[in-house]
């Protein structure tokens, strides 16, 4: 009886702790949603007894999803990475420093490959003016893609220009000098649309970066205050940012069930 009481108290305590974070996991044991269970494992107390049930369940669900997924499914890579983390640790939760290190290594590998190939490795569908963005689902209003020509122009850099940009990005990725006047910005585009991210600083300092749909790209800019703006599938994005070190900005939303 005492053991049952302690188990009940533990579950209640962990449920209350999770709810304090704004999430209700009271019915998590009934969940069939990979993302919901994954979120629970990240948030819940390390001693929560539900972990022993839900961790193997979500790993089985991820394995089944990867096995049955379409070859072009964008979520397969994410599932594989989450599964690999769960095999090594209690959850997919990683520290800020770990995340930065992972992103940095991925970027170094990507740009080393591009330098060796002497061309961009990005695979994308060029934009055209006939592409439209639905901006009001109720009224079904749409606007043409006014940035199509500019996006294609930014992506179509010549080999010499691309090599110079790649070398500059790699130098920035390897540079750990806090007194450096420049920093690298990584933009992740999780939307279904090609986008241009504009970074406007003080005076005439301006940058623009084309990022294909479901892809990412980097740029080296002077440190300072910037207004980041973009049209993401017709929706306006704007954010003021202070760039003093390497940062990652994710735009759009990944398609999660």
Protein backbone atom coordinates (compact mmCIF):
# COMPACT_ATOMS: atom_id res chain seq x y z
CA UNK A 1 0.00 0.00 0.00
CA UNK A 2 2.86 2.34 0.86
CA UNK A 3 4.51 1.69 -2.50
CA UNK A 4 1.26 2.46 -4.34
CA UNK A 5 0.91 5.71 -2.39
CA UNK A 6 4.48 6.75 -3.20
CA UNK A 7 3.97 5.95 -6.88
CA UNK A 8 0.76 7.98 -6.96
CA UNK A 9 2.45 10.89 -5.17
CA UNK A 10 5.35 10.82 -7.62
CA UNK A 11 3.05 10.89 -10.64
CA UNK A 12 0.98 13.70 -9.12
CA UNK A 13 4.08 15.76 -8.33
CA UNK A 14 5.47 15.36 -11.83
CA UNK A 15 2.11 16.17 -13.39
CA UNK A 16 1.91 19.38 -11.38
CA UNK A 17 5.49 20.29 -12.30
CA UNK A 18 4.72 19.84 -15.99
CA UNK A 19 1.51 21.82 -15.72
CA UNK A 20 3.43 24.72 -14.20
CA UNK A 21 5.21 24.96 -17.53
CA UNK A 22 1.88 25.46 -19.26
CA UNK A 23 1.47 21.92 -20.56
CA UNK A 24 -1.02 19.34 -19.37
CA UNK A 25 0.41 15.82 -19.43
CA UNK A 26 -2.31 14.22 -17.30
CA UNK A 27 -3.37 11.97 -20.20
CA UNK A 28 0.06 11.46 -21.70
CA UNK A 29 -0.03 7.68 -21.19
CA UNK A 30 -2.88 7.52 -23.72
CA UNK A 31 -1.06 9.65 -26.30
CA UNK A 32 -0.20 8.29 -29.74
CA UNK A 33 1.49 11.54 -30.82
CA UNK A 34 5.28 11.34 -31.27
CA UNK A 35 5.81 15.08 -30.75
CA UNK A 36 3.65 15.21 -27.62
CA UNK A 37 5.44 12.27 -25.99
CA UNK A 38 8.81 13.70 -27.02
CA UNK A 39 7.86 17.02 -25.36
CA UNK A 40 6.83 15.19 -22.19
CA UNK A 41 10.19 13.40 -21.99
CA UNK A 42 11.96 16.75 -22.28
CA UNK A 43 9.81 18.45 -19.62
CA UNK A 44 9.10 15.75 -17.06
CA UNK A 45 11.04 15.12 -13.85
CA UNK A 46 13.89 12.59 -14.30
CA UNK A 47 12.25 10.25 -11.77
CA UNK A 48 8.78 10.33 -13.33
CA UNK A 49 7.73 6.63 -13.58
CA UNK A 50 5.89 7.29 -16.84
CA UNK A 51 9.24 7.67 -18.57
CA UNK A 52 9.85 3.90 -18.45
CA UNK A 53 6.65 3.36 -20.45
CA UNK A 54 6.76 6.31 -22.83
CA UNK A 55 10.40 6.33 -23.89
CA UNK A 56 10.39 2.82 -25.47
CA UNK A 57 6.91 3.54 -26.92
CA UNK A 58 7.98 6.71 -28.70
CA UNK A 59 11.16 5.04 -29.98
CA UNK A 60 9.05 2.27 -31.51
CA UNK A 61 6.75 4.89 -33.04
CA UNK A 62 9.71 6.78 -34.54
CA UNK A 63 11.19 3.57 -35.95
CA UNK A 64 7.85 2.66 -37.54
CA UNK A 65 7.44 6.18 -38.97
CA UNK A 66 10.90 6.11 -40.57
CA UNK A 67 10.24 2.64 -42.02
CA UNK A 68 6.91 3.58 -43.61
CA UNK A 69 7.72 7.18 -44.63
CA UNK A 70 7.89 8.42 -48.21
CA UNK A 71 11.52 8.93 -49.42
CA UNK A 72 10.89 12.67 -49.79
CA UNK A 73 9.35 13.10 -46.34
CA UNK A 74 11.05 16.09 -44.72
CA UNK A 75 10.42 14.78 -41.19
CA UNK A 76 12.43 11.55 -41.58
CA UNK A 77 15.75 13.28 -40.88
CA UNK A 78 14.35 14.87 -37.70
CA UNK A 79 12.98 11.50 -36.56
CA UNK A 80 16.36 9.83 -37.14
CA UNK A 81 18.15 12.50 -35.11
CA UNK A 82 15.63 12.28 -32.25
CA UNK A 83 15.87 8.48 -32.23
CA UNK A 84 19.66 8.62 -32.08
CA UNK A 85 19.49 10.98 -29.09
CA UNK A 86 16.95 8.78 -27.26
CA UNK A 87 19.25 5.78 -27.62
CA UNK A 88 21.94 7.68 -25.71
CA UNK A 89 20.00 9.74 -23.16
CA UNK A 90 16.65 10.06 -21.33
CA UNK A 91 15.22 12.59 -23.79
CA UNK A 92 16.02 14.67 -26.87
CA UNK A 93 16.67 17.71 -24.70
CA UNK A 94 20.12 19.18 -25.36
CA UNK A 95 21.88 22.21 -23.96
CA UNK A 96 22.33 25.51 -25.80
CA UNK A 97 26.07 24.86 -26.12
CA UNK A 98 25.46 21.36 -27.51
CA UNK A 99 23.01 22.78 -30.05
CA UNK A 100 25.52 25.42 -31.15
CA UNK A 101 28.23 22.79 -31.52
CA UNK A 102 25.97 20.53 -33.63
CA UNK A 103 24.94 23.42 -35.89
CA UNK A 104 28.55 24.54 -36.27
CA UNK A 105 29.79 21.08 -37.26
CA UNK A 106 26.98 20.67 -39.79
CA UNK A 107 27.81 24.03 -41.33
CA UNK A 108 31.52 23.26 -41.51
CA UNK A 109 30.81 19.93 -43.27
CA UNK A 110 28.39 21.61 -45.69
CA UNK A 111 30.72 24.44 -46.72
CA UNK A 112 33.77 22.19 -46.94
CA UNK A 113 31.81 20.05 -49.41
CA UNK A 114 30.83 23.14 -51.41
CA UNK A 115 34.43 24.36 -51.47
CA UNK A 116 35.58 20.97 -52.77
CA UNK A 117 32.83 20.88 -55.40
CA UNK A 118 33.48 24.56 -56.32
CA UNK A 119 29.73 25.15 -56.45
CA UNK A 120 26.68 25.36 -54.25
CA UNK A 121 25.23 22.04 -53.10
CA UNK A 122 21.77 23.56 -52.57
CA UNK A 123 18.97 21.74 -54.38
CA UNK A 124 15.93 23.95 -54.83
CA UNK A 125 13.03 24.85 -57.11
CA UNK A 126 13.54 28.31 -58.66
CA UNK A 127 10.87 30.88 -57.86
CA UNK A 128 8.60 32.35 -60.49
CA UNK A 129 6.23 35.30 -60.48
CA UNK A 130 3.22 33.02 -60.92
CA UNK A 131 3.81 31.43 -57.51
CA UNK A 132 1.18 32.79 -55.17
CA UNK A 133 0.88 33.03 -51.42
CA UNK A 134 -2.51 32.61 -49.78
CA UNK A 135 -2.64 35.42 -47.24
CA UNK A 136 -6.23 35.04 -46.08
CA UNK A 137 -7.58 31.50 -45.94
CA UNK A 138 -11.11 32.74 -45.19
CA UNK A 139 -11.32 35.02 -48.21
CA UNK A 140 -8.88 32.84 -50.18
CA UNK A 141 -7.02 36.00 -51.19
CA UNK A 142 -3.62 35.51 -52.80
CA UNK A 143 -0.75 37.66 -54.02
CA UNK A 144 1.93 36.95 -56.66
CA UNK A 145 5.53 36.25 -55.64
CA UNK A 146 7.09 39.69 -56.13
CA UNK A 147 10.51 38.46 -54.93
CA UNK A 148 10.87 35.64 -57.46
CA UNK A 149 13.32 37.39 -59.80
CA UNK A 150 15.42 38.72 -56.91
CA UNK A 151 15.56 35.30 -55.22
CA UNK A 152 16.75 33.58 -58.40
CA UNK A 153 19.35 36.29 -58.97
CA UNK A 154 20.75 35.89 -55.44
CA UNK A 155 20.93 32.10 -55.82
CA UNK A 156 22.66 32.28 -59.21
CA UNK A 157 26.11 33.42 -58.00
CA UNK A 158 29.12 32.77 -60.20
CA UNK A 159 31.71 30.15 -59.08
CA UNK A 160 34.34 32.70 -58.01
CA UNK A 161 31.85 34.71 -55.94
CA UNK A 162 30.51 31.53 -54.36
CA UNK A 163 34.02 30.32 -53.48
CA UNK A 164 34.88 33.66 -51.85
CA UNK A 165 31.65 33.56 -49.82
CA UNK A 166 32.28 29.94 -48.77
CA UNK A 167 35.83 30.69 -47.62
CA UNK A 168 34.58 33.68 -45.61
CA UNK A 169 31.89 31.58 -43.90
CA UNK A 170 34.35 28.78 -43.06
CA UNK A 171 36.82 31.28 -41.62
CA UNK A 172 34.03 32.69 -39.46
CA UNK A 173 32.97 29.21 -38.29
CA UNK A 174 36.54 28.44 -37.19
CA UNK A 175 37.10 31.88 -35.67
CA UNK A 176 36.67 31.89 -31.87
CA UNK A 177 38.06 35.39 -31.37
CA UNK A 178 35.53 37.38 -29.27
CA UNK A 179 37.08 40.61 -30.58
CA UNK A 180 36.21 39.79 -34.18
CA UNK A 181 34.20 42.55 -35.88
CA UNK A 182 32.09 40.04 -37.81
CA UNK A 183 29.76 37.18 -36.94
CA UNK A 184 27.91 34.45 -38.77
CA UNK A 185 24.12 34.25 -39.06
CA UNK A 186 22.46 30.95 -39.95
CA UNK A 187 18.92 31.12 -41.32
CA UNK A 188 16.76 27.97 -41.29
CA UNK A 189 13.78 28.13 -43.64
CA UNK A 190 11.22 25.59 -42.43
CA UNK A 191 8.46 26.88 -44.72
CA UNK A 192 7.26 25.60 -48.09
CA UNK A 193 8.36 28.83 -49.82
CA UNK A 194 11.64 30.27 -51.05
CA UNK A 195 12.43 33.38 -49.01
CA UNK A 196 14.77 36.36 -48.83
CA UNK A 197 15.88 37.51 -45.38
CA UNK A 198 16.86 41.18 -45.20
CA UNK A 199 19.11 42.49 -42.42
CA UNK A 200 19.17 46.28 -42.08
CA UNK A 201 21.73 47.82 -39.73
CA UNK A 202 22.85 51.34 -38.89
CA UNK A 203 23.25 53.76 -41.79
CA UNK A 204 23.73 52.04 -45.13
CA UNK A 205 24.66 48.63 -43.68
CA UNK A 206 22.34 46.15 -45.34
CA UNK A 207 22.46 42.45 -46.16
CA UNK A 208 20.12 40.04 -47.90
CA UNK A 209 20.18 36.27 -47.98
CA UNK A 210 18.17 33.92 -50.18
CA UNK A 211 17.13 30.69 -48.45
CA UNK A 212 15.32 27.92 -50.39
CA UNK A 213 12.27 26.18 -48.94
CA UNK A 214 13.15 23.55 -46.29
CA UNK A 215 16.82 24.50 -46.42
CA UNK A 216 19.28 26.72 -44.61
CA UNK A 217 21.96 29.22 -45.50
CA UNK A 218 24.56 31.36 -43.75
CA UNK A 219 25.99 34.84 -44.10
CA UNK A 220 28.82 36.72 -42.39
CA UNK A 221 27.83 40.23 -41.27
CA UNK A 222 29.29 43.04 -39.16
CA UNK A 223 28.35 42.86 -35.49
CA UNK A 224 25.69 45.31 -34.34
CA UNK A 225 21.96 46.05 -34.21
CA UNK A 226 19.80 44.79 -37.09
CA UNK A 227 16.20 44.69 -38.17
CA UNK A 228 15.52 41.27 -39.72
CA UNK A 229 12.60 41.15 -42.16
CA UNK A 230 11.23 38.57 -44.56
CA UNK A 231 8.10 37.46 -46.39
CA UNK A 232 7.48 33.84 -45.39
CA UNK A 233 4.80 32.44 -47.71
CA UNK A 234 3.22 35.90 -47.78
CA UNK A 235 3.38 36.46 -44.01
CA UNK A 236 5.52 39.37 -42.86
CA UNK A 237 8.34 38.55 -40.43
CA UNK A 238 10.18 41.32 -38.57
CA UNK A 239 12.50 41.13 -35.55
CA UNK A 240 15.12 43.39 -34.00
CA UNK A 241 18.33 41.49 -33.18
CA UNK A 242 21.67 42.29 -31.58
CA UNK A 243 24.43 40.38 -33.36
CA UNK A 244 27.46 39.92 -31.12
CA UNK A 245 28.07 36.21 -31.73
CA UNK A 246 26.98 33.47 -34.11
CA UNK A 247 23.20 33.00 -34.08
CA UNK A 248 20.58 30.81 -35.73
CA UNK A 249 17.18 32.13 -36.82
CA UNK A 250 14.44 29.64 -37.78
CA UNK A 251 11.58 30.91 -39.94
CA UNK A 252 8.36 29.14 -40.88
CA UNK A 253 7.05 26.11 -39.07
CA UNK A 254 7.87 22.48 -39.62
CA UNK A 255 4.91 20.32 -40.46
CA UNK A 256 4.24 18.39 -37.28
CA UNK A 257 1.11 16.37 -36.67
